[in-house]
C-alpha cells in the first residue's frame, strides 16, 4: 500500500466586481481548473451562494450554476467573489 504524503495547500483570492461582470469572471475562474470553491458575497459580506467545484463538474452540469449566478448578478450592483484555490 502506498501513501501519498504530499499535501495540497489552499489559498483564497477576492475579486470585487460590478454585477454585470461577475458571470464572465466566474467562467474564467472555472476554466483555470485549480478552483475548489467559489463563494459570492454582497457588499456587506453576506454569503449569497457557495459553489463547490469538483473535478467531474464540467459542461452541462455547470448550467444551473451559471443561471443562479446570473440571477444574483442581475439584482446585485456590486459583488465579492471569494475563490479558494489548490496549490500542489
C-alpha atoms as a PDB file:
ATOM      1  CA  UNK A   1       0.000   0.000   0.000  1.00  0.00           C
ATOM      2  CA  UNK A   2       1.317   3.426  -0.979  1.00  0.00           C
ATOM      3  CA  UNK A   3       0.536   6.547   0.968  1.00  0.00           C
ATOM      4  CA  UNK A   4       0.894   9.941  -0.625  1.00  0.00           C
ATOM      5  CA  UNK A   5       2.341  12.383   1.900  1.00  0.00           C
ATOM      6  CA  UNK A   6       2.056  15.369  -0.413  1.00  0.00           C
ATOM      7  CA  UNK A   7      -0.357  17.932   0.953  1.00  0.00           C
ATOM      8  CA  UNK A   8      -2.264  20.347  -1.223  1.00  0.00           C
ATOM      9  CA  UNK A   9      -2.306  23.863   0.135  1.00  0.00           C
ATOM     10  CA  UNK A  10      -5.215  26.190  -0.387  1.00  0.00           C
ATOM     11  CA  UNK A  11      -5.259  29.928  -0.746  1.00  0.00           C
ATOM     12  CA  UNK A  12      -8.028  32.416  -1.276  1.00  0.00           C
ATOM     13  CA  UNK A  13      -8.392  35.406  -3.529  1.00  0.00           C
ATOM     14  CA  UNK A  14     -11.101  38.047  -3.567  1.00  0.00           C
ATOM     15  CA  UNK A  15     -12.427  39.989  -6.524  1.00  0.00           C
ATOM     16  CA  UNK A  16     -14.830  42.928  -6.211  1.00  0.00           C
ATOM     17  CA  UNK A  17     -16.845  43.337  -9.384  1.00  0.00           C
ATOM     18  CA  UNK A  18     -19.941  45.029 -10.717  1.00  0.00           C
ATOM     19  CA  UNK A  19     -22.885  42.655 -11.129  1.00  0.00           C
ATOM     20  CA  UNK A  20     -22.631  42.514 -14.925  1.00  0.00           C
ATOM     21  CA  UNK A  21     -19.047  41.242 -14.868  1.00  0.00           C
ATOM     22  CA  UNK A  22     -19.489  38.513 -12.246  1.00  0.00           C
ATOM     23  CA  UNK A  23     -20.624  35.708 -14.563  1.00  0.00           C
ATOM     24  CA  UNK A  24     -17.767  36.273 -17.017  1.00  0.00           C
ATOM     25  CA  UNK A  25     -15.233  36.231 -14.170  1.00  0.00           C
ATOM     26  CA  UNK A  26     -16.656  33.006 -12.739  1.00  0.00           C
ATOM     27  CA  UNK A  27     -16.485  31.304 -16.137  1.00  0.00           C
ATOM     28  CA  UNK A  28     -12.868  32.458 -16.463  1.00  0.00           C
ATOM     29  CA  UNK A  29     -12.015  31.114 -12.995  1.00  0.00           C
ATOM     30  CA  UNK A  30     -13.638  27.737 -13.632  1.00  0.00           C
ATOM     31  CA  UNK A  31     -11.611  27.297 -16.812  1.00  0.00           C
ATOM     32  CA  UNK A  32      -8.401  27.735 -14.798  1.00  0.00           C
ATOM     33  CA  UNK A  33      -9.079  24.332 -13.291  1.00  0.00           C
ATOM     34  CA  UNK A  34      -7.469  24.632  -9.847  1.00  0.00           C
ATOM     35  CA  UNK A  35     -10.513  26.099  -8.103  1.00  0.00           C
ATOM     36  CA  UNK A  36     -12.028  24.207  -5.166  1.00  0.00           C
ATOM     37  CA  UNK A  37     -14.801  26.597  -4.178  1.00  0.00           C
ATOM     38  CA  UNK A  38     -16.280  29.905  -5.269  1.00  0.00           C
ATOM     39  CA  UNK A  39     -18.284  31.996  -2.818  1.00  0.00           C
ATOM     40  CA  UNK A  40     -20.351  35.002  -3.875  1.00  0.00           C
ATOM     41  CA  UNK A  41     -20.974  37.687  -1.287  1.00  0.00           C
ATOM     42  CA  UNK A  42     -22.766  41.001  -1.346  1.00  0.00           C
ATOM     43  CA  UNK A  43     -21.009  44.257  -0.490  1.00  0.00           C
ATOM     44  CA  UNK A  44     -21.733  43.887   3.217  1.00  0.00           C
ATOM     45  CA  UNK A  45     -20.074  40.459   3.312  1.00  0.00           C
ATOM     46  CA  UNK A  46     -23.192  38.275   3.468  1.00  0.00           C
ATOM     47  CA  UNK A  47     -22.707  34.977   1.617  1.00  0.00           C
ATOM     48  CA  UNK A  48     -25.219  34.629  -1.210  1.00  0.00           C
ATOM     49  CA  UNK A  49     -24.092  31.335  -2.754  1.00  0.00           C
ATOM     50  CA  UNK A  50     -21.245  28.853  -2.356  1.00  0.00           C
ATOM     51  CA  UNK A  51     -20.226  26.773  -5.354  1.00  0.00           C
ATOM     52  CA  UNK A  52     -18.101  23.716  -4.565  1.00  0.00           C
ATOM     53  CA  UNK A  53     -16.219  22.612  -7.669  1.00  0.00           C
ATOM     54  CA  UNK A  54     -15.106  19.050  -8.188  1.00  0.00           C
ATOM     55  CA  UNK A  55     -13.080  17.543 -10.988  1.00  0.00           C
ATOM     56  CA  UNK A  56     -16.185  15.974 -12.514  1.00  0.00           C
ATOM     57  CA  UNK A  57     -18.193  19.201 -12.647  1.00  0.00           C
ATOM     58  CA  UNK A  58     -17.982  20.312 -16.260  1.00  0.00           C
ATOM     59  CA  UNK A  59     -20.126  21.196 -19.240  1.00  0.00           C
ATOM     60  CA  UNK A  60     -23.874  20.826 -18.793  1.00  0.00           C
ATOM     61  CA  UNK A  61     -23.511  20.306 -15.042  1.00  0.00           C
ATOM     62  CA  UNK A  62     -22.448  23.959 -14.738  1.00  0.00           C
ATOM     63  CA  UNK A  63     -25.534  25.385 -16.485  1.00  0.00           C
ATOM     64  CA  UNK A  64     -27.635  25.617 -13.277  1.00  0.00           C
ATOM     65  CA  UNK A  65     -24.680  27.254 -11.527  1.00  0.00           C
ATOM     66  CA  UNK A  66     -24.363  29.859 -14.282  1.00  0.00           C
ATOM     67  CA  UNK A  67     -28.118  30.505 -14.155  1.00  0.00           C
ATOM     68  CA  UNK A  68     -28.011  31.072 -10.389  1.00  0.00           C
ATOM     69  CA  UNK A  69     -25.002  33.370 -10.654  1.00  0.00           C
ATOM     70  CA  UNK A  70     -26.654  35.316 -13.472  1.00  0.00           C
ATOM     71  CA  UNK A  71     -29.802  35.802 -11.391  1.00  0.00           C
ATOM     72  CA  UNK A  72     -27.798  37.021  -8.391  1.00  0.00           C
ATOM     73  CA  UNK A  73     -25.695  39.336 -10.537  1.00  0.00           C
ATOM     74  CA  UNK A  74     -28.863  40.862 -12.004  1.00  0.00           C
ATOM     75  CA  UNK A  75     -30.075  42.036  -8.598  1.00  0.00           C
ATOM     76  CA  UNK A  76     -26.743  42.996  -7.051  1.00  0.00           C
ATOM     77  CA  UNK A  77     -24.895  46.106  -8.129  1.00  0.00           C
ATOM     78  CA  UNK A  78     -21.585  45.020  -6.654  1.00  0.00           C
ATOM     79  CA  UNK A  79     -20.432  41.575  -5.558  1.00  0.00           C
ATOM     80  CA  UNK A  80     -17.370  39.996  -3.997  1.00  0.00           C
ATOM     81  CA  UNK A  81     -16.102  36.699  -5.405  1.00  0.00           C
ATOM     82  CA  UNK A  82     -14.029  34.665  -2.955  1.00  0.00           C
ATOM     83  CA  UNK A  83     -12.047  31.935  -4.711  1.00  0.00           C
ATOM     84  CA  UNK A  84     -10.430  29.006  -2.903  1.00  0.00           C
ATOM     85  CA  UNK A  85      -7.610  27.548  -4.994  1.00  0.00           C
ATOM     86  CA  UNK A  86      -5.450  24.496  -4.506  1.00  0.00           C
ATOM     87  CA  UNK A  87      -1.709  24.549  -4.900  1.00  0.00           C
ATOM     88  CA  UNK A  88       0.414  21.416  -5.155  1.00  0.00           C
END
